[in-house]
C-alpha atoms as a PDB file:
ATOM      1  CA  MET A   1     -12.382 -24.860  32.365  1.00  0.00           C
ATOM      2  CA  ASN A   2     -12.603 -27.941  35.347  1.00  0.00           C
ATOM      3  CA  GLY A   3     -10.709 -27.533  38.618  1.00  0.00           C
ATOM      4  CA  ARG A   4      -8.422 -30.553  37.457  1.00  0.00           C
ATOM      5  CA  ARG A   5      -5.696 -30.466  35.308  1.00  0.00           C
ATOM      6  CA  SER A   6      -3.363 -32.945  34.036  1.00  0.00           C
ATOM      7  CA  LEU A   7       0.310 -33.357  35.373  1.00  0.00           C
ATOM      8  CA  TRP A   8       1.188 -32.365  31.851  1.00  0.00           C
ATOM      9  CA  THR A   9      -0.697 -29.135  31.946  1.00  0.00           C
ATOM     10  CA  ILE A  10       1.171 -28.343  34.975  1.00  0.00           C
ATOM     11  CA  PHE A  11       4.490 -29.415  34.346  1.00  0.00           C
ATOM     12  CA  ALA A  12       5.131 -28.474  30.732  1.00  0.00           C
ATOM     13  CA  VAL A  13       6.369 -24.820  31.192  1.00  0.00           C
ATOM     14  CA  PRO A  14       8.660 -25.602  33.873  1.00  0.00           C
ATOM     15  CA  LEU A  15       9.920 -28.989  32.208  1.00  0.00           C
ATOM     16  CA  LEU A  16      11.135 -27.181  29.030  1.00  0.00           C
ATOM     17  CA  LEU A  17      12.627 -24.069  31.486  1.00  0.00           C
ATOM     18  CA  PHE A  18      14.408 -27.153  33.156  1.00  0.00           C
ATOM     19  CA  VAL A  19      15.366 -28.434  29.457  1.00  0.00           C
ATOM     20  CA  ALA A  20      16.157 -25.158  28.243  1.00  0.00           C
ATOM     21  CA  SER A  21      18.876 -23.850  30.876  1.00  0.00           C
ATOM     22  CA  LEU A  22      20.757 -27.687  30.950  1.00  0.00           C
ATOM     23  CA  VAL A  23      21.030 -27.613  27.427  1.00  0.00           C
ATOM     24  CA  GLY A  24      22.548 -24.158  27.662  1.00  0.00           C
ATOM     25  CA  LEU A  25      24.688 -24.761  30.833  1.00  0.00           C
ATOM     26  CA  VAL A  26      26.052 -28.028  29.264  1.00  0.00           C
ATOM     27  CA  TRP A  27      26.926 -26.331  25.683  1.00  0.00           C
ATOM     28  CA  ALA A  28      28.729 -23.351  27.690  1.00  0.00           C
ATOM     29  CA  LEU A  29      30.952 -26.020  29.425  1.00  0.00           C
ATOM     30  CA  LEU A  30      31.466 -27.690  26.205  1.00  0.00           C
ATOM     31  CA  ASP A  31      31.619 -24.868  23.587  1.00  0.00           C
ATOM     32  CA  ASP A  32      34.102 -22.555  23.533  1.00  0.00           C
ATOM     33  CA  GLY A  33      33.404 -19.036  21.169  1.00  0.00           C
ATOM     34  CA  GLY A  34      30.639 -16.673  19.973  1.00  0.00           C
ATOM     35  CA  ALA A  35      28.030 -19.625  20.964  1.00  0.00           C
ATOM     36  CA  ASP A  36      28.853 -18.761  24.773  1.00  0.00           C
ATOM     37  CA  THR A  37      26.799 -16.268  24.504  1.00  0.00           C
ATOM     38  CA  VAL A  38      23.717 -18.435  22.948  1.00  0.00           C
ATOM     39  CA  ALA A  39      24.547 -20.997  25.751  1.00  0.00           C
ATOM     40  CA  ALA A  40      24.275 -18.303  28.420  1.00  0.00           C
ATOM     41  CA  VAL A  41      20.972 -16.962  27.055  1.00  0.00           C
ATOM     42  CA  ALA A  42      19.520 -20.649  26.997  1.00  0.00           C
ATOM     43  CA  ALA A  43      20.956 -21.229  30.285  1.00  0.00           C
ATOM     44  CA  GLY A  44      19.322 -17.920  31.984  1.00  0.00           C
ATOM     45  CA  VAL A  45      16.224 -17.933  30.026  1.00  0.00           C
ATOM     46  CA  SER A  46      14.249 -19.510  33.264  1.00  0.00           C
ATOM     47  CA  ILE A  47      14.798 -15.708  35.003  1.00  0.00           C
ATOM     48  CA  PRO A  48      13.144 -13.603  33.008  1.00  0.00           C
ATOM     49  CA  VAL A  49      10.609 -15.908  32.410  1.00  0.00           C
ATOM     50  CA  LEU A  50      10.023 -15.980  36.274  1.00  0.00           C
ATOM     51  CA  ALA A  51      10.476 -12.780  37.127  1.00  0.00           C
ATOM     52  CA  TRP A  52       7.237 -12.127  34.284  1.00  0.00           C
ATOM     53  CA  ALA A  53       4.778 -14.922  35.654  1.00  0.00           C
ATOM     54  CA  TRP A  54       5.788 -13.394  39.173  1.00  0.00           C
ATOM     55  CA  VAL A  55       4.730  -9.490  37.936  1.00  0.00           C
ATOM     56  CA  ARG A  56       1.830 -10.994  36.284  1.00  0.00           C
ATOM     57  CA  ARG A  57       0.225 -13.044  39.621  1.00  0.00           C
ATOM     58  CA  GLY A  58       0.920 -10.108  41.425  1.00  0.00           C
ATOM     59  CA  ARG A  59      -1.317  -8.074  39.359  1.00  0.00           C
ATOM     60  CA  GLY A  60      -4.173 -10.578  39.702  1.00  0.00           C
ATOM     61  CA  SER A  61      -4.237 -12.184  35.990  1.00  0.00           C
ATOM     62  CA  VAL A  62      -3.409 -15.384  37.066  1.00  0.00           C
ATOM     63  CA  THR A  63      -6.057 -17.178  38.729  1.00  0.00           C
ATOM     64  CA  ARG A  64      -5.882 -19.558  41.905  1.00  0.00           C
ATOM     65  CA  ASP A  65      -7.967 -22.576  42.070  1.00  0.00           C
END
């Protein structure tokens, strides 16, 4: 892989996490009932993903350019 990455390559996953969290938050505010659980999962999806990336980076699996 060359040293340069496109903006889409760099920001694709953070953008998807942002959209999922935002949809989950709005959904939780606008809907009541059983869908609140799904909305809470969507809003909180970024926390386990960030923890996974942090642990993976600590093991040296992620290379630094």
